[in-house]
Protein backbone atom coordinates (compact mmCIF):
# COMPACT_ATOMS: atom_id res chain seq x y z
CA MET A 1 -27.34 -64.61 -26.54
CA SER A 2 -26.30 -65.88 -29.96
CA ASP A 3 -22.60 -66.36 -30.71
CA LYS A 4 -23.14 -64.73 -34.09
CA PHE A 5 -21.94 -61.12 -34.47
CA ASP A 6 -24.31 -58.97 -36.52
CA GLY A 7 -21.69 -56.38 -37.39
CA PHE A 8 -20.99 -52.87 -36.24
CA PRO A 9 -23.90 -50.42 -36.58
CA PRO A 10 -23.95 -47.90 -39.43
CA GLY A 11 -23.09 -44.25 -38.98
CA LYS A 12 -20.57 -42.69 -36.69
CA THR A 13 -19.25 -45.07 -34.06
CA ARG A 14 -17.29 -44.08 -31.00
CA LEU A 15 -13.75 -45.40 -31.20
CA ILE A 16 -11.57 -46.61 -28.35
CA ARG A 17 -7.91 -45.70 -28.52
CA LEU A 18 -5.25 -48.35 -28.01
CA PRO A 19 -1.53 -47.55 -27.85
CA ALA A 20 0.63 -49.14 -30.53
CA ALA A 21 2.63 -50.76 -27.72
CA PHE A 22 -0.47 -52.73 -26.80
CA PHE A 23 -0.07 -54.75 -30.01
CA THR A 24 3.71 -54.85 -30.16
CA GLU A 25 4.67 -55.22 -26.49
CA LEU A 26 1.71 -56.28 -24.35
CA LEU A 27 -0.50 -58.50 -26.52
CA PRO A 28 2.27 -61.06 -27.27
CA ARG A 29 2.77 -61.49 -23.51
CA ILE A 30 -0.87 -62.16 -22.62
CA ASP A 31 -1.59 -65.89 -22.82
CA ASP A 32 -4.85 -65.97 -20.85
CA PRO A 33 -8.12 -65.10 -22.64
CA ASP A 34 -9.73 -63.76 -19.47
CA GLU A 35 -6.79 -61.44 -18.81
CA LEU A 36 -7.04 -60.17 -22.39
CA LYS A 37 -10.77 -59.54 -22.01
CA LEU A 38 -10.27 -57.65 -18.77
CA THR A 39 -7.41 -55.61 -20.23
CA LEU A 40 -9.47 -54.55 -23.24
CA PHE A 41 -12.37 -53.73 -20.94
CA CYS A 42 -10.10 -51.40 -18.94
CA PHE A 43 -9.21 -49.42 -22.07
CA TRP A 44 -12.92 -49.12 -22.88
CA ALA A 45 -13.96 -48.17 -19.33
CA LEU A 46 -11.21 -45.60 -18.85
CA GLU A 47 -12.12 -43.99 -22.14
CA GLN A 48 -15.45 -43.09 -20.53
CA ARG A 49 -13.72 -41.16 -17.73
CA ASP A 50 -12.70 -37.52 -17.71
CA GLY A 51 -9.67 -35.80 -16.29
CA ARG A 52 -5.94 -36.28 -16.44
CA PHE A 53 -5.71 -39.09 -13.89
CA ARG A 54 -8.29 -41.75 -14.74
CA TYR A 55 -8.81 -44.85 -12.67
CA LEU A 56 -11.19 -47.73 -12.06
CA ARG A 57 -12.56 -49.16 -8.83
CA ARG A 58 -13.78 -52.65 -7.99
CA ALA A 59 -17.36 -51.61 -8.66
CA ASP A 60 -16.41 -50.51 -12.17
CA PHE A 61 -15.61 -54.13 -13.06
CA GLU A 62 -19.12 -55.25 -12.05
CA VAL A 63 -21.07 -53.64 -14.87
CA PRO A 64 -23.01 -55.41 -17.66
CA GLU A 65 -20.38 -54.45 -20.25
CA MET A 66 -17.71 -56.45 -18.40
CA PRO A 67 -17.18 -59.68 -20.44
CA LEU A 68 -16.25 -61.60 -17.29
CA GLN A 69 -19.39 -61.82 -15.18
CA ASP A 70 -18.14 -64.70 -13.03
CA PRO A 71 -16.57 -63.07 -9.94
CA GLU A 72 -13.88 -65.73 -9.53
CA ARG A 73 -12.70 -65.55 -13.14
CA ARG A 74 -12.79 -61.77 -12.98
CA ALA A 75 -10.70 -61.70 -9.80
CA LEU A 76 -8.11 -64.04 -11.32
CA ALA A 77 -7.89 -61.98 -14.50
CA LEU A 78 -7.50 -58.78 -12.46
CA ALA A 79 -4.74 -60.38 -10.41
CA ARG A 80 -2.95 -61.40 -13.61
CA ALA A 81 -3.16 -57.88 -15.05
CA ILE A 82 -1.78 -56.43 -11.82
CA LYS A 83 1.03 -58.99 -11.65
CA ARG A 84 1.95 -58.21 -15.26
CA GLU A 85 1.79 -54.52 -14.30
CA THR A 86 -0.61 -53.70 -17.08
CA LEU A 87 -2.64 -52.23 -14.22
CA LEU A 88 -1.19 -50.38 -11.24
CA ALA A 89 -3.15 -50.74 -8.02
CA VAL A 90 -2.97 -48.35 -5.07
CA THR A 91 -5.13 -48.41 -1.93
CA VAL A 92 -6.10 -45.28 0.01
CA GLU A 93 -8.03 -44.80 3.23
CA THR A 94 -11.10 -42.66 2.63
CA GLY A 95 -13.93 -41.65 4.93
CA ARG A 96 -15.87 -44.61 3.55
CA GLY A 97 -13.06 -47.08 4.27
CA PRO A 98 -10.20 -48.40 2.13
CA GLU A 99 -10.55 -47.90 -1.61
CA THR A 100 -8.35 -49.58 -4.25
CA LEU A 101 -7.77 -47.64 -7.46
CA TYR A 102 -6.58 -49.21 -10.71
CA PHE A 103 -4.58 -47.18 -13.21
CA LEU A 104 -3.25 -48.23 -16.59
CA ASN A 105 0.53 -48.41 -16.61
CA THR A 106 0.94 -45.24 -18.65
CA ALA A 107 3.01 -42.16 -17.87
CA ASN A 108 -0.04 -40.52 -16.28
CA GLY A 109 -0.93 -43.70 -14.40
CA ARG A 110 2.56 -44.00 -12.94
CA LYS A 111 2.54 -40.31 -12.04
CA ALA A 112 -0.83 -40.68 -10.30
CA VAL A 113 0.38 -43.60 -8.18
CA THR A 114 3.51 -41.65 -7.22
CA LEU A 115 1.44 -38.61 -6.22
CA ILE A 116 -1.04 -40.68 -4.20
CA ASN A 117 1.76 -42.49 -2.36
CA ALA A 118 3.28 -39.08 -1.57
CA GLY A 119 -0.03 -37.87 -0.12
CA HIS A 120 -1.03 -35.61 -3.02
CA TRP A 121 -4.72 -36.51 -3.05
CA ARG A 122 -7.94 -35.60 -1.31
CA PRO A 123 -11.32 -37.28 -0.85
CA GLY A 124 -13.90 -36.69 -3.54
CA ASP A 125 -17.52 -37.74 -3.88
CA ALA A 126 -19.16 -41.16 -4.03
CA ASP A 127 -18.66 -41.51 -7.79
CA HIS A 128 -15.10 -40.21 -7.78
CA PRO A 129 -13.83 -40.91 -4.26
CA VAL A 130 -10.24 -39.78 -4.76
CA GLU A 131 -8.97 -36.65 -6.47
CA VAL A 132 -5.30 -36.79 -7.41
CA LEU A 133 -3.63 -33.44 -6.78
CA PRO A 134 -0.79 -32.13 -8.93
CA GLU A 135 2.57 -31.87 -7.25
CA ARG A 136 3.31 -28.37 -6.03
CA PRO A 137 6.34 -26.65 -7.56
CA ASN A 138 9.00 -25.85 -5.01
CA ILE A 139 9.25 -22.37 -3.58
CA PHE A 140 12.37 -21.45 -5.60
CA GLN A 141 10.72 -22.49 -8.87
CA LEU A 142 7.61 -20.50 -7.97
CA TYR A 143 9.68 -17.40 -7.27
CA GLU A 144 11.75 -17.54 -10.46
CA GLU A 145 8.72 -18.30 -12.66
CA ASN A 146 6.53 -15.56 -11.19
CA ILE A 147 8.64 -12.93 -9.44
CA GLY A 148 12.18 -12.68 -10.77
CA MET A 149 15.80 -13.74 -10.52
CA LEU A 150 16.72 -15.64 -7.38
CA THR A 151 19.57 -14.08 -5.40
CA PRO A 152 21.42 -15.79 -2.51
CA MET A 153 19.80 -13.41 0.01
CA ILE A 154 16.29 -14.04 -1.31
CA ALA A 155 16.99 -17.78 -1.39
CA ASP A 156 17.77 -17.63 2.34
CA ASP A 157 14.55 -15.72 2.97
CA LEU A 158 12.58 -18.28 0.98
CA ARG A 159 14.04 -21.15 2.99
CA GLU A 160 13.04 -19.41 6.20
CA ALA A 161 9.56 -18.71 4.84
CA ALA A 162 9.13 -22.35 3.86
CA GLN A 163 9.70 -23.28 7.50
CA ARG A 164 7.31 -20.65 8.88
CA TYR A 165 4.34 -20.65 6.50
CA PRO A 166 2.16 -23.30 4.79
CA PRO A 167 3.07 -23.83 1.12
CA ALA A 168 -0.41 -22.75 -0.02
CA TRP A 169 0.03 -19.39 1.74
CA ILE A 170 3.30 -18.70 -0.06
CA GLU A 171 1.82 -19.70 -3.40
CA GLU A 172 -1.21 -17.48 -2.91
CA ALA A 173 0.85 -14.53 -1.68
CA MET A 174 2.98 -14.75 -4.83
CA HIS A 175 -0.18 -14.89 -6.91
CA ILE A 176 -1.48 -11.72 -5.25
CA ALA A 177 1.85 -9.99 -5.85
CA VAL A 178 1.74 -10.90 -9.54
CA THR A 179 -1.87 -9.78 -10.04
CA ARG A 180 -1.09 -6.46 -8.32
CA ASN A 181 2.12 -5.98 -10.30
CA ALA A 182 4.10 -5.99 -7.06
CA ARG A 183 6.71 -8.57 -8.01
CA ASN A 184 9.08 -8.34 -5.09
CA TRP A 185 9.80 -10.39 -2.01
CA ARG A 186 9.14 -7.58 0.52
CA TYR A 187 5.55 -7.34 -0.64
CA ILE A 188 5.06 -11.11 -0.48
CA ARG A 189 6.65 -11.32 2.96
CA ALA A 190 4.42 -8.52 4.27
CA ILE A 191 1.32 -10.43 3.13
CA LEU A 192 2.53 -13.59 4.87
CA GLU A 193 3.40 -11.74 8.08
CA ARG A 194 -0.02 -10.10 8.19
CA TRP A 195 -1.80 -13.42 7.61
CA GLN A 196 0.21 -14.97 10.41
CA LYS A 197 -0.45 -12.08 12.78
CA GLU A 198 -4.13 -11.43 12.06
CA GLY A 199 -5.26 -14.84 10.82
CA LYS A 200 -6.12 -15.95 7.34
CA ASP A 201 -9.71 -16.95 6.67
CA ASP A 202 -10.04 -19.98 4.35
CA GLY A 203 -13.74 -20.40 4.87
CA SER A 204 -13.32 -23.03 7.57
CA GLY A 205 -14.06 -20.66 10.42
CA THR A 206 -10.68 -21.26 12.07
CA GLY A 207 -9.01 -18.13 10.78
CA HIS A 208 -5.85 -20.11 10.08
CA GLY A 209 -6.62 -22.08 6.91
CA VAL A 210 -4.06 -22.97 4.29
CA HIS A 211 -6.30 -23.51 1.30
CA GLY A 212 -6.55 -19.95 0.04
CA ALA A 213 -10.28 -19.62 -0.64
CA ASP A 214 -10.41 -15.91 0.29
CA SER A 215 -12.79 -13.64 -1.56
CA GLU A 216 -11.47 -10.71 -3.58
CA ALA A 217 -12.52 -8.38 -0.78
CA GLN A 218 -10.49 -10.38 1.73
CA ARG A 219 -7.48 -10.35 -0.59
CA ASN A 220 -7.74 -6.57 -0.86
CA ARG A 221 -7.89 -6.29 2.93
CA PHE A 222 -4.70 -8.28 3.36
CA VAL A 223 -2.71 -6.27 0.84
CA SER A 224 -3.91 -2.79 1.66
CA GLY A 225 -3.49 -0.42 4.55
CA LYS A 226 -0.11 -0.09 6.18
CA TYR A 227 1.52 -2.56 3.77
CA ALA A 228 0.33 -0.88 0.59
CA ASP A 229 3.32 1.51 0.41
CA ILE A 230 6.05 -1.14 0.24
CA ILE A 231 5.64 -1.90 -3.47
CA GLU A 232 8.99 -1.48 -5.15
CA SER A 233 9.35 -0.52 -8.76
């Protein structure tokens, strides 16, 4: 390959975004050309990803577009970027073995690492092996945002419910109450009690799932019958 650059092609060209802090804060600190190449590659590679929490894996550094094709130089440059904390690395155990994910040290990257370390993730597919899950709002926040004002008595009931039922059940029961315009704790509690007594089908076949994948017909079954007359105005 010639060292001569023929210029950027005519027409519309896809642009890669770089934060202003890259030039003012990070670039003056990087004194290794390989580290600089790897850092710029990360911005390019992550721009190709979708979703809020974007990350790279080891395999993503082994593509033809990577300017460091020598494995040893690439490993050293990656280690430098991690030591400088330009990249944040976190390792998770997946069904395919340990997987290290590399995030840029942005607000979203830091949030993703925090969520993963707190267990808020689940396995994905071969191309995207880890899905970062958003942090669940606490039960009191859910109630005030969706149902109404929190009283001391309801707060006590919510604390008890948090000990008895999976968080996903409570969240889904509140969602059902909102969609049925039954915004009161008695209605929500009745749904939870019925799920606990009769079983809640999440599609797993156990009858006691916590993921809330019920069909509309199943939702109607859980909030009808003997509990349908407890809706308060």
